[in-house]
Amino acid sequence: VSSSIEDLLHLSFSLSLSLQIYLYLPRFLELGNTVPFLKTSRRREMEVKVREFVPFVAMVIMEACTIALTIMAKTALTGGMSPFVFVVYTNALGAMLLLPFSFFFHRKDRTKESIFSWPLLARVFCLGFTGIFLFQNLAFVGLSFSSPIVVCAMGLLIPSFSFLLNLILGRSKLDWRNTSTRARVMGTIISLSGAFTEELYKGPFIRPASSASPTRLLNSIPKLLVYYNIPDKWFLGCIFLAAAVFSVSLFNVIQTGTVKKYPHVMKVASFYSIVGTIQCLIFSLFMERDLSAWKIEPNYDLCLIIATGIFGSVIRTSVQVKCTQMKGPYYVPLFKPFGIFWATLFGTSFFVNSLHYGSVLGAVVGGVGYYTVSWGQLRETEEKQNPKEERKPIKTIHHHEDDEYKVPLLINQEESPV
């Protein structure tokens, strides 16, 4: 009983912290306008500081909560919960919450084209198939065979796979005279090297079982949560996670065109969540024919499903959209490698015989490749905006209506299975 209570407290803390960030984010933005006695210059200075500080803190905490929920999901899967059942329940809850929330989120927005047109419905079907059905089923199966740090490392392949897909589809061309092209190619090679390091080299444990935990809390956490299970199917887990990342890259290619046609991103997310949930349900009924696997007791698993459904579908997505509107389309993806820091911190602080040197090395190499590809993409955007003029940095604070809907890779599930 005490273990369940402690688990529930951990979940409640992460969820309440995320909710507070989301609820108070708009208020921080309006702080300068709600304090009448501040001078105009000081008000503007405060607003600039808030726009710099709040999104940064919000995104860092989003990554921490994502990794925490990923560790909890690993615990549930190791305890015998079916990954297919988990995907269905979390997405069903998320879709039910996201649908009304999306209409509230866009209550003041208007668009000429209806989302119920056949071209957009076809796109929604493909988004649900690649971003929910393929991605989440592959990712959670991969997580059950590996560990959260591997999930982080493989997730860093997203921009590299997207670059390769754009080359295959003819949307990008290799111009070796161009700095952005060379950076993206080099970043792709580095990212793939990190992934192969993650897959083929483990190395010794960073914190072997012989190292003593200094406190009673650290001794009790490994009994409640699972970071890494032995024996494992490490290689197979990496293959599943790489396939999941490739499906997200397909999702991002489809999403880019969809958001241009229908810029209400939260509504698009709610509809493809519903479609993806239905697809997952049909597949899971075929994979899990034992009815007992679908029975969820009011325990740790139920708390995890509720927390994951609320956080993954509503809180994280809405915070990402808010931060994108404030800081521009390239801001949110920059925080993806922060997952490496949190996964390493949690793994070395609370668990023994869980984190390998090779895992951290591969993740760090992948992070370098991730930022290299992202820099090349940013440089390419600057060149397209200013083809002949002197290149200027892309503005990060957006005030124009058209810019508010330039949303980056919204599935920063992009970021993990959760």
Protein backbone atom coordinates (compact mmCIF):
# COMPACT_ATOMS: atom_id res chain seq x y z
CA VAL A 1 0.00 0.00 0.00
CA SER A 2 2.79 2.42 0.90
CA SER A 3 4.44 1.79 -2.47
CA SER A 4 1.23 2.66 -4.32
CA ILE A 5 0.84 5.83 -2.27
CA GLU A 6 4.41 6.90 -3.00
CA ASP A 7 3.92 6.19 -6.70
CA LEU A 8 0.75 8.25 -6.72
CA LEU A 9 2.54 11.12 -4.99
CA HIS A 10 5.30 11.09 -7.61
CA LEU A 11 2.71 11.17 -10.39
CA SER A 12 0.67 13.89 -8.72
CA PHE A 13 3.72 16.09 -8.20
CA SER A 14 4.83 15.86 -11.85
CA LEU A 15 1.31 16.47 -13.13
CA SER A 16 0.56 19.40 -10.81
CA LEU A 17 3.86 21.05 -11.70
CA SER A 18 3.06 20.76 -15.40
CA LEU A 19 -0.43 22.14 -14.87
CA GLN A 20 0.91 25.16 -12.98
CA ILE A 21 3.34 25.96 -15.79
CA TYR A 22 0.58 25.83 -18.37
CA LEU A 23 -1.96 27.81 -16.35
CA TYR A 24 0.40 30.62 -15.38
CA LEU A 25 2.22 30.95 -18.70
CA PRO A 26 -0.32 33.35 -20.27
CA ARG A 27 -0.43 35.42 -17.07
CA PHE A 28 3.32 35.95 -17.12
CA LEU A 29 3.05 37.18 -20.69
CA GLU A 30 0.53 39.83 -19.73
CA LEU A 31 2.42 40.91 -16.61
CA GLY A 32 3.73 44.12 -18.12
CA ASN A 33 0.26 45.26 -19.17
CA THR A 34 -1.39 44.49 -15.83
CA VAL A 35 0.93 46.63 -13.67
CA PRO A 36 -0.17 50.22 -14.40
CA PHE A 37 2.44 52.03 -12.28
CA LEU A 38 5.38 50.61 -14.24
CA LYS A 39 6.90 52.93 -16.79
CA THR A 40 6.58 51.96 -20.43
CA SER A 41 10.30 51.21 -20.84
CA ARG A 42 10.43 49.14 -17.68
CA ARG A 43 7.26 47.33 -18.69
CA ARG A 44 8.75 46.42 -22.04
CA GLU A 45 11.98 45.32 -20.40
CA MET A 46 10.06 43.09 -18.00
CA GLU A 47 8.00 41.62 -20.84
CA VAL A 48 11.16 40.76 -22.78
CA LYS A 49 12.66 39.06 -19.72
CA VAL A 50 9.47 37.09 -19.15
CA ARG A 51 9.38 36.01 -22.79
CA GLU A 52 12.95 34.75 -22.43
CA PHE A 53 12.68 33.11 -19.01
CA VAL A 54 9.23 31.49 -18.88
CA PRO A 55 9.42 29.45 -22.12
CA PHE A 56 12.89 28.18 -21.19
CA VAL A 57 11.82 26.98 -17.74
CA ALA A 58 8.58 25.53 -19.13
CA MET A 59 10.34 23.48 -21.81
CA VAL A 60 13.05 22.21 -19.44
CA ILE A 61 10.39 21.00 -16.99
CA MET A 62 8.37 19.48 -19.84
CA GLU A 63 11.39 17.34 -20.72
CA ALA A 64 11.87 16.34 -17.08
CA CYS A 65 8.22 15.29 -16.75
CA THR A 66 8.43 13.38 -20.04
CA ILE A 67 11.43 11.35 -18.86
CA ALA A 68 9.81 10.74 -15.46
CA LEU A 69 6.68 9.37 -17.13
CA THR A 70 8.83 7.29 -19.48
CA ILE A 71 10.52 5.65 -16.47
CA MET A 72 7.10 4.98 -14.96
CA ALA A 73 5.91 3.49 -18.26
CA LYS A 74 8.99 1.24 -18.29
CA THR A 75 8.02 0.09 -14.79
CA ALA A 76 4.46 -0.76 -15.87
CA LEU A 77 5.62 -2.62 -18.99
CA THR A 78 8.18 -4.60 -17.00
CA GLY A 79 5.44 -5.47 -14.52
CA GLY A 80 3.45 -7.20 -17.25
CA MET A 81 1.21 -4.51 -18.71
CA SER A 82 0.68 -4.89 -22.46
CA PRO A 83 2.19 -1.99 -24.46
CA PHE A 84 -0.69 -2.21 -26.94
CA VAL A 85 -3.32 -1.88 -24.22
CA PHE A 86 -1.39 0.99 -22.65
CA VAL A 87 -1.30 2.86 -25.98
CA VAL A 88 -5.06 2.45 -26.50
CA TYR A 89 -6.05 3.62 -23.02
CA THR A 90 -3.71 6.63 -22.90
CA ASN A 91 -4.69 7.85 -26.36
CA ALA A 92 -8.39 7.29 -25.74
CA LEU A 93 -8.22 9.43 -22.60
CA GLY A 94 -6.05 12.01 -24.34
CA ALA A 95 -8.38 12.26 -27.33
CA MET A 96 -11.43 12.75 -25.10
CA LEU A 97 -9.69 15.58 -23.27
CA LEU A 98 -8.03 17.15 -26.30
CA LEU A 99 -11.16 17.47 -28.47
CA PRO A 100 -13.09 19.97 -26.28
CA PHE A 101 -9.86 21.65 -25.21
CA SER A 102 -8.85 22.27 -28.84
CA PHE A 103 -12.09 24.13 -29.56
CA PHE A 104 -11.56 26.22 -26.43
CA PHE A 105 -7.94 26.88 -27.42
CA HIS A 106 -8.97 28.14 -30.89
CA ARG A 107 -12.25 29.76 -29.80
CA LYS A 108 -11.22 33.16 -31.24
CA ASP A 109 -9.59 31.82 -34.40
CA ARG A 110 -11.24 31.53 -37.79
CA THR A 111 -10.19 29.73 -40.94
CA LYS A 112 -11.66 29.57 -44.43
CA GLU A 113 -11.14 25.86 -45.06
CA SER A 114 -13.02 23.20 -43.11
CA ILE A 115 -11.13 20.30 -41.62
CA PHE A 116 -13.89 17.99 -42.84
CA SER A 117 -12.89 18.35 -46.49
CA TRP A 118 -11.70 15.11 -48.09
CA PRO A 119 -8.06 16.22 -48.64
CA LEU A 120 -7.69 17.24 -44.99
CA LEU A 121 -9.45 14.11 -43.74
CA ALA A 122 -6.99 12.01 -45.74
CA ARG A 123 -4.14 13.92 -44.13
CA VAL A 124 -5.66 13.42 -40.66
CA PHE A 125 -5.88 9.68 -41.32
CA CYS A 126 -2.19 9.57 -42.32
CA LEU A 127 -1.21 11.69 -39.30
CA GLY A 128 -3.03 9.31 -36.98
CA PHE A 129 -1.45 6.30 -38.67
CA THR A 130 2.14 7.58 -38.55
CA GLY A 131 2.09 9.75 -35.42
CA ILE A 132 -0.11 7.64 -33.14
CA PHE A 133 -0.53 4.08 -34.42
CA LEU A 134 2.94 3.33 -35.80
CA PHE A 135 4.97 5.62 -33.58
CA GLN A 136 3.51 4.80 -30.19
CA ASN A 137 3.16 1.04 -30.66
CA LEU A 138 6.72 0.74 -31.94
CA ALA A 139 8.06 3.12 -29.28
CA PHE A 140 6.49 1.40 -26.30
CA VAL A 141 7.52 -2.05 -27.52
CA GLY A 142 11.04 -0.66 -27.98
CA LEU A 143 10.95 0.83 -24.48
CA SER A 144 9.96 -2.52 -22.99
CA PHE A 145 13.11 -4.02 -24.54
CA SER A 146 15.54 -1.19 -23.65
CA SER A 147 15.64 1.85 -21.34
CA PRO A 148 14.65 5.56 -21.25
CA ILE A 149 18.14 6.74 -22.24
CA VAL A 150 17.89 4.68 -25.45
CA VAL A 151 14.53 6.30 -26.16
CA CYS A 152 16.19 9.72 -25.85
CA ALA A 153 19.11 8.77 -28.08
CA MET A 154 16.92 7.35 -30.84
CA GLY A 155 14.59 10.34 -30.67
CA LEU A 156 17.50 12.57 -31.67
CA LEU A 157 17.42 10.95 -35.13
CA ILE A 158 14.18 12.75 -36.04
CA PRO A 159 15.70 15.76 -37.91
CA SER A 160 18.18 13.48 -39.69
CA PHE A 161 15.45 11.14 -40.90
CA SER A 162 13.33 14.15 -41.91
CA PHE A 163 16.27 15.50 -43.95
CA LEU A 164 16.74 12.14 -45.69
CA LEU A 165 13.01 11.93 -46.43
CA ASN A 166 13.02 15.42 -47.94
CA LEU A 167 15.92 14.37 -50.16
CA ILE A 168 14.05 11.25 -51.29
CA LEU A 169 10.86 13.23 -51.96
CA GLY A 170 12.77 15.91 -53.87
CA ARG A 171 11.97 18.70 -51.40
CA SER A 172 15.65 19.29 -50.68
CA LYS A 173 18.71 19.14 -52.89
CA LEU A 174 22.33 18.43 -52.10
CA ASP A 175 24.36 21.55 -52.83
CA TRP A 176 27.83 20.93 -51.45
CA ARG A 177 28.75 24.59 -51.92
CA ASN A 178 26.05 25.49 -49.42
CA THR A 179 27.00 25.65 -45.74
CA SER A 180 23.55 24.53 -44.58
CA THR A 181 23.69 21.40 -46.75
CA ARG A 182 27.13 20.44 -45.47
CA ALA A 183 25.99 20.98 -41.88
CA ARG A 184 22.90 18.83 -42.29
CA VAL A 185 24.82 16.02 -44.00
CA MET A 186 27.52 16.10 -41.32
CA GLY A 187 24.90 16.23 -38.56
CA THR A 188 23.08 13.25 -40.07
CA ILE A 189 26.31 11.23 -40.12
CA ILE A 190 27.05 12.17 -36.50
CA SER A 191 23.49 11.31 -35.39
CA LEU A 192 23.62 7.91 -37.08
CA SER A 193 27.01 7.28 -35.47
CA GLY A 194 25.48 8.02 -32.08
CA ALA A 195 22.62 5.63 -32.80
CA PHE A 196 25.01 2.83 -33.82
CA THR A 197 27.08 3.47 -30.69
CA GLU A 198 23.91 3.20 -28.62
CA GLU A 199 22.97 -0.04 -30.32
CA LEU A 200 26.30 -1.86 -30.53
CA TYR A 201 28.24 -0.68 -27.48
CA LYS A 202 27.05 -0.79 -23.89
CA GLY A 203 30.17 -0.65 -21.77
CA PRO A 204 30.18 -1.02 -17.99
CA PHE A 205 27.52 0.33 -15.68
CA ILE A 206 28.05 3.91 -14.54
CA ARG A 207 26.77 2.99 -11.11
CA PRO A 208 27.24 -0.71 -10.33
CA ALA A 209 25.35 -2.50 -7.60
CA SER A 210 28.36 -2.29 -5.29
CA SER A 211 27.93 1.48 -4.95
CA ALA A 212 25.94 2.29 -1.85
CA SER A 213 22.88 4.54 -1.81
CA PRO A 214 23.41 7.31 0.75
CA THR A 215 19.82 7.65 1.88
CA ARG A 216 16.81 5.52 2.60
CA LEU A 217 14.94 7.27 -0.24
CA LEU A 218 17.53 6.18 -2.81
CA ASN A 219 17.36 2.63 -1.49
CA SER A 220 13.58 2.52 -1.86
CA ILE A 221 13.19 4.05 -5.33
CA PRO A 222 14.57 1.04 -7.30
CA LYS A 223 12.01 -1.14 -5.53
CA LEU A 224 9.21 1.09 -6.82
CA LEU A 225 10.42 1.93 -10.33
CA VAL A 226 12.29 0.16 -13.12
CA TYR A 227 14.87 1.87 -15.34
CA TYR A 228 16.51 -1.17 -16.92
CA ASN A 229 15.61 -4.85 -16.77
CA ILE A 230 17.87 -7.89 -17.10
CA PRO A 231 17.90 -9.93 -19.29
CA ASP A 232 17.12 -7.41 -21.99
CA LYS A 233 16.63 -7.40 -25.77
CA TRP A 234 18.69 -4.27 -26.33
CA PHE A 235 19.35 -4.66 -30.06
CA LEU A 236 15.71 -5.45 -30.84
CA GLY A 237 14.58 -2.49 -28.74
CA CYS A 238 16.85 -0.15 -30.71
CA ILE A 239 15.41 -1.45 -33.99
CA PHE A 240 11.84 -0.83 -32.82
CA LEU A 241 12.73 2.66 -31.59
CA ALA A 242 14.51 3.53 -34.86
CA ALA A 243 11.39 2.44 -36.77
CA ALA A 244 9.27 4.58 -34.42
CA VAL A 245 11.47 7.61 -35.10
CA PHE A 246 11.19 7.04 -38.85
CA SER A 247 7.39 7.03 -38.55
CA VAL A 248 7.57 10.36 -36.68
CA SER A 249 9.67 11.77 -39.52
CA LEU A 250 6.94 10.73 -41.96
CA PHE A 251 4.43 12.35 -39.62
CA ASN A 252 6.38 15.62 -39.65
CA VAL A 253 6.48 15.73 -43.45
CA ILE A 254 2.69 15.27 -43.61
CA GLN A 255 2.06 17.68 -40.73
CA THR A 256 3.99 20.53 -42.37
CA GLY A 257 1.60 20.66 -45.32
CA THR A 258 -1.45 20.09 -43.13
CA VAL A 259 -0.75 23.05 -40.83
CA LYS A 260 -0.27 25.31 -43.85
CA LYS A 261 -3.73 24.37 -45.14
CA TYR A 262 -5.44 24.31 -41.73
CA PRO A 263 -3.49 26.34 -39.12
CA HIS A 264 -5.62 25.36 -36.10
CA VAL A 265 -2.96 23.00 -34.81
CA MET A 266 -4.76 21.86 -31.65
CA LYS A 267 -7.86 20.87 -33.62
CA VAL A 268 -5.71 18.95 -36.07
CA ALA A 269 -4.01 17.22 -33.13
CA SER A 270 -7.36 16.30 -31.55
CA PHE A 271 -8.73 14.80 -34.77
CA TYR A 272 -5.67 12.73 -35.62
CA SER A 273 -5.57 11.56 -31.98
CA ILE A 274 -9.10 10.19 -32.38
CA VAL A 275 -8.26 8.52 -35.69
CA GLY A 276 -5.01 7.08 -34.31
CA THR A 277 -6.79 5.75 -31.22
CA ILE A 278 -9.32 3.88 -33.38
CA GLN A 279 -6.49 2.39 -35.45
CA CYS A 280 -4.67 1.33 -32.27
CA LEU A 281 -7.83 -0.24 -30.85
CA ILE A 282 -8.40 -2.40 -33.93
CA PHE A 283 -4.77 -3.54 -33.95
CA SER A 284 -4.64 -4.14 -30.19
CA LEU A 285 -7.80 -6.25 -30.19
CA PHE A 286 -6.04 -8.50 -32.68
CA MET A 287 -2.76 -8.57 -30.72
CA GLU A 288 -4.28 -8.90 -27.22
CA ARG A 289 -7.15 -11.38 -27.39
CA ASP A 290 -6.94 -12.20 -23.71
CA LEU A 291 -9.62 -10.08 -22.05
CA SER A 292 -7.77 -10.09 -18.74
CA ALA A 293 -5.03 -7.96 -20.35
CA TRP A 294 -7.60 -5.20 -20.86
CA LYS A 295 -8.67 -5.13 -17.22
CA ILE A 296 -7.03 -2.25 -15.35
CA GLU A 297 -7.10 -2.29 -11.58
CA PRO A 298 -7.24 1.00 -9.59
CA ASN A 299 -3.52 0.93 -8.87
CA TYR A 300 -0.22 2.20 -10.29
CA ASP A 301 -1.17 1.32 -13.89
CA LEU A 302 -4.38 3.33 -13.76
CA CYS A 303 -2.60 6.37 -12.28
CA LEU A 304 0.04 6.14 -15.00
CA ILE A 305 -2.56 5.95 -17.78
CA ILE A 306 -4.37 9.01 -16.45
CA ALA A 307 -1.17 11.01 -15.99
CA THR A 308 0.19 10.06 -19.42
CA GLY A 309 -3.11 10.78 -21.17
CA ILE A 310 -3.45 14.24 -19.61
CA PHE A 311 0.20 15.24 -19.91
CA GLY A 312 0.96 13.82 -23.35
CA SER A 313 -2.16 14.95 -25.16
CA VAL A 314 -3.11 18.24 -23.48
CA ILE A 315 -0.45 19.79 -21.25
CA ARG A 316 2.71 19.19 -23.24
CA THR A 317 1.13 19.93 -26.62
CA SER A 318 -0.47 23.19 -25.47
CA VAL A 319 2.74 24.36 -23.74
CA GLN A 320 4.69 23.63 -26.93
CA VAL A 321 2.20 25.63 -29.02
CA LYS A 322 2.37 28.55 -26.57
CA CYS A 323 6.18 28.54 -26.57
CA THR A 324 6.22 28.36 -30.37
CA GLN A 325 3.93 31.37 -30.63
CA MET A 326 6.22 33.26 -28.25
CA LYS A 327 9.65 32.23 -29.53
CA GLY A 328 9.24 30.98 -33.09
CA PRO A 329 9.16 27.58 -34.82
CA TYR A 330 12.73 26.54 -34.01
CA TYR A 331 12.59 27.07 -30.25
CA VAL A 332 10.77 23.97 -29.01
CA PRO A 333 12.92 21.38 -30.87
CA LEU A 334 16.07 22.85 -29.28
CA PHE A 335 15.07 21.29 -25.95
CA LYS A 336 14.92 17.72 -27.24
CA PRO A 337 18.48 16.86 -26.10
CA PHE A 338 17.62 18.01 -22.57
CA GLY A 339 16.03 14.59 -22.21
CA ILE A 340 19.55 13.11 -22.19
CA PHE A 341 20.42 15.20 -19.14
CA TRP A 342 17.29 14.19 -17.24
CA ALA A 343 17.53 10.50 -18.20
CA THR A 344 21.19 10.42 -17.13
CA LEU A 345 20.47 12.33 -13.91
CA PHE A 346 17.59 10.04 -12.92
CA GLY A 347 19.48 6.90 -13.97
CA THR A 348 22.65 7.69 -12.01
CA SER A 349 20.94 9.22 -8.97
CA PHE A 350 18.24 6.67 -8.22
CA PHE A 351 19.18 3.36 -9.87
CA VAL A 352 22.09 0.89 -9.83
CA ASN A 353 22.99 -1.52 -12.63
CA SER A 354 20.82 0.54 -14.99
CA LEU A 355 22.83 3.04 -17.02
CA HIS A 356 25.76 2.09 -19.27
CA TYR A 357 28.61 4.35 -20.33
CA GLY A 358 27.91 3.40 -23.93
CA SER A 359 24.31 4.58 -23.63
CA VAL A 360 25.33 8.03 -22.42
CA LEU A 361 28.13 8.27 -25.01
CA GLY A 362 25.77 7.37 -27.86
CA ALA A 363 23.16 9.83 -26.61
CA VAL A 364 25.69 12.68 -26.34
CA VAL A 365 27.03 12.00 -29.84
CA GLY A 366 23.44 11.92 -31.10
CA GLY A 367 22.81 15.26 -29.38
CA VAL A 368 25.75 16.85 -31.20
CA GLY A 369 24.40 15.55 -34.49
CA TYR A 370 20.91 16.76 -33.62
CA TYR A 371 22.06 20.32 -33.02
CA THR A 372 24.24 20.25 -36.15
CA VAL A 373 21.30 19.25 -38.35
CA SER A 374 19.07 21.81 -36.63
CA TRP A 375 21.64 24.55 -37.22
CA GLY A 376 21.82 23.61 -40.89
CA GLN A 377 18.03 23.74 -41.15
CA LEU A 378 17.97 27.16 -39.48
CA ARG A 379 20.70 28.43 -41.80
CA GLU A 380 18.77 27.16 -44.83
CA THR A 381 15.66 29.03 -43.68
CA GLU A 382 17.69 32.24 -43.32
CA GLU A 383 19.05 31.81 -46.83
CA LYS A 384 15.56 31.35 -48.27
CA GLN A 385 14.28 34.43 -46.45
CA ASN A 386 17.22 36.58 -47.56
CA PRO A 387 18.56 35.05 -50.78
CA LYS A 388 20.45 38.13 -51.97
CA GLU A 389 20.46 40.45 -48.99
CA GLU A 390 22.77 40.26 -46.03
CA ARG A 391 21.54 37.42 -43.87
CA LYS A 392 19.97 38.35 -40.57
CA PRO A 393 19.01 36.07 -37.71
CA ILE A 394 15.45 34.84 -37.68
CA LYS A 395 13.37 36.77 -35.18
CA THR A 396 12.38 34.71 -32.23
CA ILE A 397 9.56 36.84 -30.83
CA HIS A 398 6.56 36.80 -33.14
CA HIS A 399 3.77 39.31 -33.15
CA HIS A 400 2.21 38.79 -36.56
CA GLU A 401 -0.84 36.64 -36.89
CA ASP A 402 0.63 34.51 -39.66
CA ASP A 403 3.68 33.64 -37.59
CA GLU A 404 1.73 32.35 -34.64
CA TYR A 405 0.86 29.14 -36.40
CA LYS A 406 4.31 28.18 -37.64
CA VAL A 407 4.41 25.16 -35.40
CA PRO A 408 7.44 22.86 -35.30
CA LEU A 409 7.39 19.11 -34.91
CA LEU A 410 4.44 19.04 -32.54
CA ILE A 411 4.96 15.45 -31.60
CA ASN A 412 7.75 16.00 -29.39
CA GLN A 413 6.61 12.58 -28.75
CA GLU A 414 9.06 13.43 -30.90
CA GLU A 415 10.62 13.34 -27.65
CA SER A 416 9.81 9.97 -26.16
CA PRO A 417 7.09 7.37 -26.12
CA VAL A 418 5.07 9.38 -23.62
